[in-house]
Amino acid sequence: MTTTARHILIVEDNPDIARLIQLHTQDLNCTSTIASNGTQAIQLVDKHSYHLIILDLMLPEIDGLTVCRHIRAQNHYTPVIMLTSKSTELDRVLGLEIGADDYVTKPFSIPELVARIKSQLRRSEANNKATAVTQTKIECGKLCVDIDRRQVHIDTSEVILTAREFDLLVHFMTHPGHVFSRNQLLEQVWGYGYDGYEHTVNSHINRLRAKIEADPANPHYILTVWGVGYRFCEKPE
């Protein structure tokens, strides 16, 4: 059982909702800080490290999507649960595309939110432990990934990936030859099952191929297994 308290940033402009979330995260052995607007959230993210960020989409001054982009520009990867009253598919997909790890729509139940928080903390801690005991660099053909620095190179040229693209590539490269369905990738890389959001995986893989493949239409690294999903090559052609 974890004895060290995890620190959570709650970015929510409704003080009643913010305090309610803060109260229930205390039961998870978490301390929390509340930011009531996007400007304050960015200032806190720049000064402190957090184990998890709960982020409202509709915020004063700077909106949640912009804050999420700023979080994802940091070197250290922090799980983000997006919290919003918007519920359309476009809003959900946009949040996930930008880098949110989970998405909870208001009004929400506290048990559901607590379950999502637990899931993201478990995943983050498991990833940190796995990274500590595995190699820090992975190579396949001309492709080289430095896990500690979160950098990717093809030959001597650096490839700029988003945080989610990087996590997806590392997941593939640490399981060469293994076939993953889209739902499995959502659960194992995004950290939560998103029924009906398989196209999120497709769009990320298409962008990743565009960045690492010499010919994205005929990929050598991330291969499609028709009717099943995707796998990473064991040896590049």
C-alpha atoms as a PDB file:
ATOM      1  CA  MET A   1       0.000   0.000   0.000  1.00  0.00           C
ATOM      2  CA  THR A   2       1.316   3.475  -0.898  1.00  0.00           C
ATOM      3  CA  THR A   3       2.271   5.457   2.205  1.00  0.00           C
ATOM      4  CA  THR A   4       3.468   8.625   0.507  1.00  0.00           C
ATOM      5  CA  ALA A   5       0.660  11.022  -0.278  1.00  0.00           C
ATOM      6  CA  ARG A   6       0.006  11.738  -3.947  1.00  0.00           C
ATOM      7  CA  HIS A   7      -0.489  15.371  -4.883  1.00  0.00           C
ATOM      8  CA  ILE A   8      -3.431  16.237  -7.145  1.00  0.00           C
ATOM      9  CA  LEU A   9      -4.179  19.521  -8.881  1.00  0.00           C
ATOM     10  CA  ILE A  10      -7.912  20.266  -9.158  1.00  0.00           C
ATOM     11  CA  VAL A  11      -8.637  22.912 -11.807  1.00  0.00           C
ATOM     12  CA  GLU A  12     -12.289  23.851 -11.332  1.00  0.00           C
ATOM     13  CA  ASP A  13     -13.950  27.276 -11.160  1.00  0.00           C
ATOM     14  CA  ASN A  14     -16.987  26.059  -9.204  1.00  0.00           C
ATOM     15  CA  PRO A  15     -15.811  26.185  -5.567  1.00  0.00           C
ATOM     16  CA  ASP A  16     -18.425  23.706  -4.332  1.00  0.00           C
ATOM     17  CA  ILE A  17     -17.430  21.083  -6.897  1.00  0.00           C
ATOM     18  CA  ALA A  18     -13.731  21.721  -6.282  1.00  0.00           C
ATOM     19  CA  ARG A  19     -14.082  21.281  -2.515  1.00  0.00           C
ATOM     20  CA  LEU A  20     -16.213  18.146  -2.985  1.00  0.00           C
ATOM     21  CA  ILE A  21     -13.515  16.555  -5.157  1.00  0.00           C
ATOM     22  CA  GLN A  22     -10.835  17.669  -2.702  1.00  0.00           C
ATOM     23  CA  LEU A  23     -12.711  16.079   0.188  1.00  0.00           C
ATOM     24  CA  HIS A  24     -13.025  12.707  -1.527  1.00  0.00           C
ATOM     25  CA  THR A  25      -9.427  12.590  -2.771  1.00  0.00           C
ATOM     26  CA  GLN A  26      -8.301  12.801   0.849  1.00  0.00           C
ATOM     27  CA  ASP A  27      -9.708   9.288   1.298  1.00  0.00           C
ATOM     28  CA  LEU A  28      -7.270   8.119  -1.405  1.00  0.00           C
ATOM     29  CA  ASN A  29      -4.247   9.312   0.563  1.00  0.00           C
ATOM     30  CA  CYS A  30      -3.986  12.358  -1.682  1.00  0.00           C
ATOM     31  CA  THR A  31      -3.313  15.990  -0.927  1.00  0.00           C
ATOM     32  CA  SER A  32      -4.721  18.488  -3.386  1.00  0.00           C
ATOM     33  CA  THR A  33      -4.408  22.047  -4.580  1.00  0.00           C
ATOM     34  CA  ILE A  34      -7.300  23.943  -6.182  1.00  0.00           C
ATOM     35  CA  ALA A  35      -6.904  26.330  -9.114  1.00  0.00           C
ATOM     36  CA  SER A  36      -9.988  28.350 -10.020  1.00  0.00           C
ATOM     37  CA  ASN A  37      -8.911  29.505 -13.481  1.00  0.00           C
ATOM     38  CA  GLY A  38      -6.644  28.545 -16.351  1.00  0.00           C
ATOM     39  CA  THR A  39      -3.976  31.151 -15.657  1.00  0.00           C
ATOM     40  CA  GLN A  40      -3.528  29.954 -12.096  1.00  0.00           C
ATOM     41  CA  ALA A  41      -3.431  26.336 -13.277  1.00  0.00           C
ATOM     42  CA  ILE A  42      -0.597  27.018 -15.736  1.00  0.00           C
ATOM     43  CA  GLN A  43       1.374  28.895 -13.085  1.00  0.00           C
ATOM     44  CA  LEU A  44       1.044  25.962 -10.675  1.00  0.00           C
ATOM     45  CA  VAL A  45       1.968  23.379 -13.321  1.00  0.00           C
ATOM     46  CA  ASP A  46       5.119  25.352 -14.136  1.00  0.00           C
ATOM     47  CA  LYS A  47       6.189  25.461 -10.484  1.00  0.00           C
ATOM     48  CA  HIS A  48       5.123  22.067  -9.094  1.00  0.00           C
ATOM     49  CA  SER A  49       4.873  18.393 -10.007  1.00  0.00           C
ATOM     50  CA  TYR A  50       1.590  16.539  -9.612  1.00  0.00           C
ATOM     51  CA  HIS A  51       0.610  12.882  -9.654  1.00  0.00           C
ATOM     52  CA  LEU A  52      -2.715  13.696 -11.336  1.00  0.00           C
ATOM     53  CA  ILE A  53      -4.549  16.733 -12.687  1.00  0.00           C
ATOM     54  CA  ILE A  54      -8.355  16.986 -12.717  1.00  0.00           C
ATOM     55  CA  LEU A  55      -9.111  19.648 -15.313  1.00  0.00           C
ATOM     56  CA  ASP A  56     -12.381  21.416 -16.079  1.00  0.00           C
ATOM     57  CA  LEU A  57     -12.861  22.273 -19.754  1.00  0.00           C
ATOM     58  CA  MET A  58     -14.755  25.562 -19.309  1.00  0.00           C
ATOM     59  CA  LEU A  59     -12.513  27.858 -17.261  1.00  0.00           C
ATOM     60  CA  PRO A  60     -12.160  31.614 -16.797  1.00  0.00           C
ATOM     61  CA  GLU A  61      -9.217  33.405 -18.482  1.00  0.00           C
ATOM     62  CA  ILE A  62      -7.676  30.349 -20.194  1.00  0.00           C
ATOM     63  CA  ASP A  63      -9.784  27.358 -21.244  1.00  0.00           C
ATOM     64  CA  GLY A  64      -9.080  23.772 -20.240  1.00  0.00           C
ATOM     65  CA  LEU A  65      -7.963  22.634 -23.696  1.00  0.00           C
ATOM     66  CA  THR A  66      -5.233  25.276 -23.724  1.00  0.00           C
ATOM     67  CA  VAL A  67      -4.193  24.282 -20.209  1.00  0.00           C
ATOM     68  CA  CYS A  68      -4.065  20.624 -21.311  1.00  0.00           C
ATOM     69  CA  ARG A  69      -1.825  21.529 -24.261  1.00  0.00           C
ATOM     70  CA  HIS A  70       0.480  23.368 -21.862  1.00  0.00           C
ATOM     71  CA  ILE A  71       0.607  20.362 -19.523  1.00  0.00           C
ATOM     72  CA  ARG A  72       1.485  18.077 -22.415  1.00  0.00           C
ATOM     73  CA  ALA A  73       4.356  20.374 -23.399  1.00  0.00           C
ATOM     74  CA  GLN A  74       6.075  19.586 -20.077  1.00  0.00           C
ATOM     75  CA  ASN A  75       8.885  17.031 -19.897  1.00  0.00           C
ATOM     76  CA  HIS A  76       7.216  15.095 -17.091  1.00  0.00           C
ATOM     77  CA  TYR A  77       4.075  13.203 -18.073  1.00  0.00           C
ATOM     78  CA  THR A  78       1.153  13.771 -15.704  1.00  0.00           C
ATOM     79  CA  PRO A  79      -2.212  11.993 -16.073  1.00  0.00           C
ATOM     80  CA  VAL A  80      -5.121  14.333 -16.839  1.00  0.00           C
ATOM     81  CA  ILE A  81      -8.801  13.663 -16.202  1.00  0.00           C
ATOM     82  CA  MET A  82     -10.897  16.188 -18.096  1.00  0.00           C
ATOM     83  CA  LEU A  83     -14.029  17.281 -16.263  1.00  0.00           C
ATOM     84  CA  THR A  84     -16.702  19.145 -18.166  1.00  0.00           C
ATOM     85  CA  SER A  85     -20.382  19.792 -18.664  1.00  0.00           C
ATOM     86  CA  LYS A  86     -20.013  19.311 -22.405  1.00  0.00           C
ATOM     87  CA  SER A  87     -21.006  15.862 -23.637  1.00  0.00           C
ATOM     88  CA  THR A  88     -20.925  15.855 -27.428  1.00  0.00           C
ATOM     89  CA  GLU A  89     -18.693  13.349 -29.201  1.00  0.00           C
ATOM     90  CA  LEU A  90     -16.664  16.179 -30.745  1.00  0.00           C
ATOM     91  CA  ASP A  91     -15.827  17.621 -27.334  1.00  0.00           C
ATOM     92  CA  ARG A  92     -14.835  14.229 -25.974  1.00  0.00           C
ATOM     93  CA  VAL A  93     -12.664  13.324 -28.931  1.00  0.00           C
ATOM     94  CA  LEU A  94     -11.009  16.757 -28.937  1.00  0.00           C
ATOM     95  CA  GLY A  95     -10.083  16.386 -25.282  1.00  0.00           C
ATOM     96  CA  LEU A  96      -8.632  12.931 -25.859  1.00  0.00           C
ATOM     97  CA  GLU A  97      -6.772  14.024 -28.988  1.00  0.00           C
ATOM     98  CA  ILE A  98      -5.112  16.889 -27.124  1.00  0.00           C
ATOM     99  CA  GLY A  99      -3.884  14.521 -24.452  1.00  0.00           C
ATOM    100  CA  ALA A 100      -6.459  13.960 -21.704  1.00  0.00           C
ATOM    101  CA  ASP A 101      -6.211  10.468 -20.219  1.00  0.00           C
ATOM    102  CA  ASP A 102      -9.851  10.241 -19.225  1.00  0.00           C
ATOM    103  CA  TYR A 103     -13.048  12.225 -19.644  1.00  0.00           C
ATOM    104  CA  VAL A 104     -15.847  12.626 -17.084  1.00  0.00           C
ATOM    105  CA  THR A 105     -19.032  14.522 -17.939  1.00  0.00           C
ATOM    106  CA  LYS A 106     -20.945  16.660 -15.443  1.00  0.00           C
ATOM    107  CA  PRO A 107     -23.089  15.890 -13.600  1.00  0.00           C
ATOM    108  CA  PHE A 108     -20.953  12.970 -12.424  1.00  0.00           C
ATOM    109  CA  SER A 109     -21.206  10.521  -9.562  1.00  0.00           C
ATOM    110  CA  ILE A 110     -18.487  10.716  -6.925  1.00  0.00           C
ATOM    111  CA  PRO A 111     -17.917   6.906  -6.914  1.00  0.00           C
ATOM    112  CA  GLU A 112     -17.329   7.025 -10.686  1.00  0.00           C
ATOM    113  CA  LEU A 113     -14.874   9.905 -10.440  1.00  0.00           C
ATOM    114  CA  VAL A 114     -13.036   8.219  -7.553  1.00  0.00           C
ATOM    115  CA  ALA A 115     -12.770   5.020  -9.622  1.00  0.00           C
ATOM    116  CA  ARG A 116     -11.306   6.987 -12.544  1.00  0.00           C
ATOM    117  CA  ILE A 117      -8.807   8.686 -10.226  1.00  0.00           C
ATOM    118  CA  LYS A 118      -7.725   5.333  -8.773  1.00  0.00           C
ATOM    119  CA  SER A 119      -7.335   3.892 -12.269  1.00  0.00           C
ATOM    120  CA  GLN A 120      -5.108   6.722 -13.466  1.00  0.00           C
ATOM    121  CA  LEU A 121      -2.951   6.676 -10.329  1.00  0.00           C
ATOM    122  CA  ARG A 122      -2.470   2.898 -10.574  1.00  0.00           C
ATOM    123  CA  ARG A 123      -1.535   3.135 -14.234  1.00  0.00           C
ATOM    124  CA  SER A 124       0.890   5.998 -13.652  1.00  0.00           C
ATOM    125  CA  GLU A 125       2.610   4.232 -10.752  1.00  0.00           C
ATOM    126  CA  ALA A 126       2.841   0.976 -12.703  1.00  0.00           C
ATOM    127  CA  ASN A 127       4.398   2.799 -15.663  1.00  0.00           C
ATOM    128  CA  ASN A 128       6.926   4.504 -13.407  1.00  0.00           C
ATOM    129  CA  LYS A 129       7.952   1.175 -11.874  1.00  0.00           C
ATOM    130  CA  ALA A 130       8.200  -0.497 -15.270  1.00  0.00           C
ATOM    131  CA  THR A 131      10.368   2.304 -16.636  1.00  0.00           C
ATOM    132  CA  ALA A 132      12.683   2.016 -13.632  1.00  0.00           C
ATOM    133  CA  VAL A 133      13.468  -1.666 -14.314  1.00  0.00           C
ATOM    134  CA  THR A 134      13.589  -1.652 -18.115  1.00  0.00           C
ATOM    135  CA  GLN A 135      16.105  -0.272 -20.556  1.00  0.00           C
ATOM    136  CA  THR A 136      16.090   3.466 -21.025  1.00  0.00           C
ATOM    137  CA  LYS A 137      16.743   3.236 -24.768  1.00  0.00           C
ATOM    138  CA  ILE A 138      14.992   1.090 -27.356  1.00  0.00           C
ATOM    139  CA  GLU A 139      16.221   0.697 -30.914  1.00  0.00           C
ATOM    140  CA  CYS A 140      14.682  -0.847 -33.995  1.00  0.00           C
ATOM    141  CA  GLY A 141      16.382  -0.290 -37.320  1.00  0.00           C
ATOM    142  CA  LYS A 142      16.988   3.447 -37.706  1.00  0.00           C
ATOM    143  CA  LEU A 143      14.464   4.251 -34.971  1.00  0.00           C
ATOM    144  CA  CYS A 144      15.792   5.020 -31.482  1.00  0.00           C
ATOM    145  CA  VAL A 145      13.691   5.973 -28.442  1.00  0.00           C
ATOM    146  CA  ASP A 146      15.199   7.441 -25.276  1.00  0.00           C
ATOM    147  CA  ILE A 147      12.581   6.787 -22.583  1.00  0.00           C
ATOM    148  CA  ASP A 148      14.214   8.906 -19.879  1.00  0.00           C
ATOM    149  CA  ARG A 149      14.560  11.958 -22.107  1.00  0.00           C
ATOM    150  CA  ARG A 150      11.296  11.214 -23.957  1.00  0.00           C
ATOM    151  CA  GLN A 151      13.103  11.727 -27.252  1.00  0.00           C
ATOM    152  CA  VAL A 152      12.823   9.904 -30.567  1.00  0.00           C
ATOM    153  CA  HIS A 153      15.411   9.866 -33.342  1.00  0.00           C
ATOM    154  CA  ILE A 154      15.543   8.406 -36.819  1.00  0.00           C
ATOM    155  CA  ASP A 155      19.247   8.182 -37.627  1.00  0.00           C
ATOM    156  CA  THR A 156      20.468  11.525 -36.246  1.00  0.00           C
ATOM    157  CA  SER A 157      17.246  13.475 -36.835  1.00  0.00           C
ATOM    158  CA  GLU A 158      14.959  14.110 -33.867  1.00  0.00           C
ATOM    159  CA  VAL A 159      11.275  13.344 -34.362  1.00  0.00           C
ATOM    160  CA  ILE A 160       8.873  15.506 -32.363  1.00  0.00           C
ATOM    161  CA  LEU A 161       5.982  13.494 -30.922  1.00  0.00           C
ATOM    162  CA  THR A 162       3.100  14.442 -28.675  1.00  0.00           C
ATOM    163  CA  ALA A 163       3.053  12.827 -25.239  1.00  0.00           C
ATOM    164  CA  ARG A 164       0.381  10.338 -26.327  1.00  0.00           C
ATOM    165  CA  GLU A 165       2.197   9.474 -29.560  1.00  0.00           C
ATOM    166  CA  PHE A 166       5.354   8.859 -27.541  1.00  0.00           C
ATOM    167  CA  ASP A 167       3.567   6.561 -25.072  1.00  0.00           C
ATOM    168  CA  LEU A 168       1.942   4.669 -27.936  1.00  0.00           C
ATOM    169  CA  LEU A 169       5.290   4.166 -29.690  1.00  0.00           C
ATOM    170  CA  VAL A 170       6.997   2.975 -26.494  1.00  0.00           C
ATOM    171  CA  HIS A 171       4.150   0.549 -25.854  1.00  0.00           C
ATOM    172  CA  PHE A 172       4.552  -0.915 -29.331  1.00  0.00           C
ATOM    173  CA  MET A 173       8.344  -1.084 -29.184  1.00  0.00           C
ATOM    174  CA  THR A 174       8.363  -2.830 -25.811  1.00  0.00           C
ATOM    175  CA  HIS A 175       6.012  -5.500 -27.211  1.00  0.00           C
ATOM    176  CA  PRO A 176       7.426  -6.265 -30.694  1.00  0.00           C
ATOM    177  CA  GLY A 177       5.353  -8.723 -32.691  1.00  0.00           C
ATOM    178  CA  HIS A 178       2.431  -8.567 -30.273  1.00  0.00           C
ATOM    179  CA  VAL A 179      -0.925  -7.851 -31.897  1.00  0.00           C
ATOM    180  CA  PHE A 180      -3.092  -5.282 -30.086  1.00  0.00           C
ATOM    181  CA  SER A 181      -6.722  -4.537 -30.794  1.00  0.00           C
ATOM    182  CA  ARG A 182      -7.800  -0.907 -30.725  1.00  0.00           C
ATOM    183  CA  ASN A 183      -9.663  -1.440 -27.449  1.00  0.00           C
ATOM    184  CA  GLN A 184      -6.553  -2.990 -25.896  1.00  0.00           C
ATOM    185  CA  LEU A 185      -4.500   0.031 -26.922  1.00  0.00           C
ATOM    186  CA  LEU A 186      -7.105   2.372 -25.440  1.00  0.00           C
ATOM    187  CA  GLU A 187      -7.000   0.495 -22.137  1.00  0.00           C
ATOM    188  CA  GLN A 188      -3.224  -0.006 -21.974  1.00  0.00           C
ATOM    189  CA  VAL A 189      -1.961   3.306 -23.377  1.00  0.00           C
ATOM    190  CA  TRP A 190      -4.807   5.715 -22.645  1.00  0.00           C
ATOM    191  CA  GLY A 191      -5.450   3.951 -19.339  1.00  0.00           C
ATOM    192  CA  TYR A 192      -9.205   3.535 -19.664  1.00  0.00           C
ATOM    193  CA  GLY A 193     -11.650   1.843 -22.023  1.00  0.00           C
ATOM    194  CA  TYR A 194     -13.452   4.192 -24.396  1.00  0.00           C
ATOM    195  CA  ASP A 195     -16.103   2.169 -26.179  1.00  0.00           C
ATOM    196  CA  GLY A 196     -16.767   3.687 -29.563  1.00  0.00           C
ATOM    197  CA  TYR A 197     -13.525   5.692 -29.642  1.00  0.00           C
ATOM    198  CA  GLU A 198     -11.419   3.240 -31.637  1.00  0.00           C
ATOM    199  CA  HIS A 199     -10.997   5.963 -34.282  1.00  0.00           C
ATOM    200  CA  THR A 200      -8.916   7.871 -31.704  1.00  0.00           C
ATOM    201  CA  VAL A 201      -6.361   5.057 -31.934  1.00  0.00           C
ATOM    202  CA  ASN A 202      -6.504   5.140 -35.727  1.00  0.00           C
ATOM    203  CA  SER A 203      -5.840   8.878 -35.887  1.00  0.00           C
ATOM    204  CA  HIS A 204      -2.902   8.640 -33.470  1.00  0.00           C
ATOM    205  CA  ILE A 205      -1.352   5.774 -35.419  1.00  0.00           C
ATOM    206  CA  ASN A 206      -1.787   7.629 -38.702  1.00  0.00           C
ATOM    207  CA  ARG A 207      -0.008  10.668 -37.272  1.00  0.00           C
ATOM    208  CA  LEU A 208       2.687   8.508 -35.708  1.00  0.00           C
ATOM    209  CA  ARG A 209       3.301   6.743 -39.023  1.00  0.00           C
ATOM    210  CA  ALA A 210       3.540  10.094 -40.781  1.00  0.00           C
ATOM    211  CA  LYS A 211       6.369  11.028 -38.426  1.00  0.00           C
ATOM    212  CA  ILE A 212       8.414   7.810 -38.235  1.00  0.00           C
ATOM    213  CA  GLU A 213       7.770   5.957 -41.491  1.00  0.00           C
ATOM    214  CA  ALA A 214       9.648   6.707 -44.718  1.00  0.00           C
ATOM    215  CA  ASP A 215       6.445   5.826 -46.576  1.00  0.00           C
ATOM    216  CA  PRO A 216       3.402   6.002 -44.257  1.00  0.00           C
ATOM    217  CA  ALA A 217       1.235   4.263 -46.857  1.00  0.00           C
ATOM    218  CA  ASN A 218       3.584   1.245 -46.712  1.00  0.00           C
ATOM    219  CA  PRO A 219       4.741   1.178 -43.094  1.00  0.00           C
ATOM    220  CA  HIS A 220       7.710  -0.848 -41.908  1.00  0.00           C
ATOM    221  CA  TYR A 221       7.353  -0.259 -38.158  1.00  0.00           C
ATOM    222  CA  ILE A 222       3.674  -0.130 -37.149  1.00  0.00           C
ATOM    223  CA  LEU A 223       1.856  -2.764 -39.157  1.00  0.00           C
ATOM    224  CA  THR A 224      -1.880  -3.276 -39.595  1.00  0.00           C
ATOM    225  CA  VAL A 225      -3.278  -6.716 -38.811  1.00  0.00           C
ATOM    226  CA  TRP A 226      -6.508  -6.623 -40.785  1.00  0.00           C
ATOM    227  CA  GLY A 227      -9.625  -7.377 -38.770  1.00  0.00           C
ATOM    228  CA  VAL A 228      -7.681  -7.361 -35.494  1.00  0.00           C
ATOM    229  CA  GLY A 229      -5.563  -4.264 -34.875  1.00  0.00           C
ATOM    230  CA  TYR A 230      -1.882  -3.379 -35.042  1.00  0.00           C
ATOM    231  CA  ARG A 231       1.530  -4.801 -34.215  1.00  0.00           C
ATOM    232  CA  PHE A 232       5.073  -3.459 -34.148  1.00  0.00           C
ATOM    233  CA  CYS A 233       7.574  -5.191 -36.418  1.00  0.00           C
ATOM    234  CA  GLU A 234      10.111  -7.493 -34.790  1.00  0.00           C
ATOM    235  CA  LYS A 235      12.708  -6.542 -37.416  1.00  0.00           C
ATOM    236  CA  PRO A 236      12.248  -3.690 -39.864  1.00  0.00           C
ATOM    237  CA  GLU A 237      12.412  -4.612 -43.533  1.00  0.00           C
END
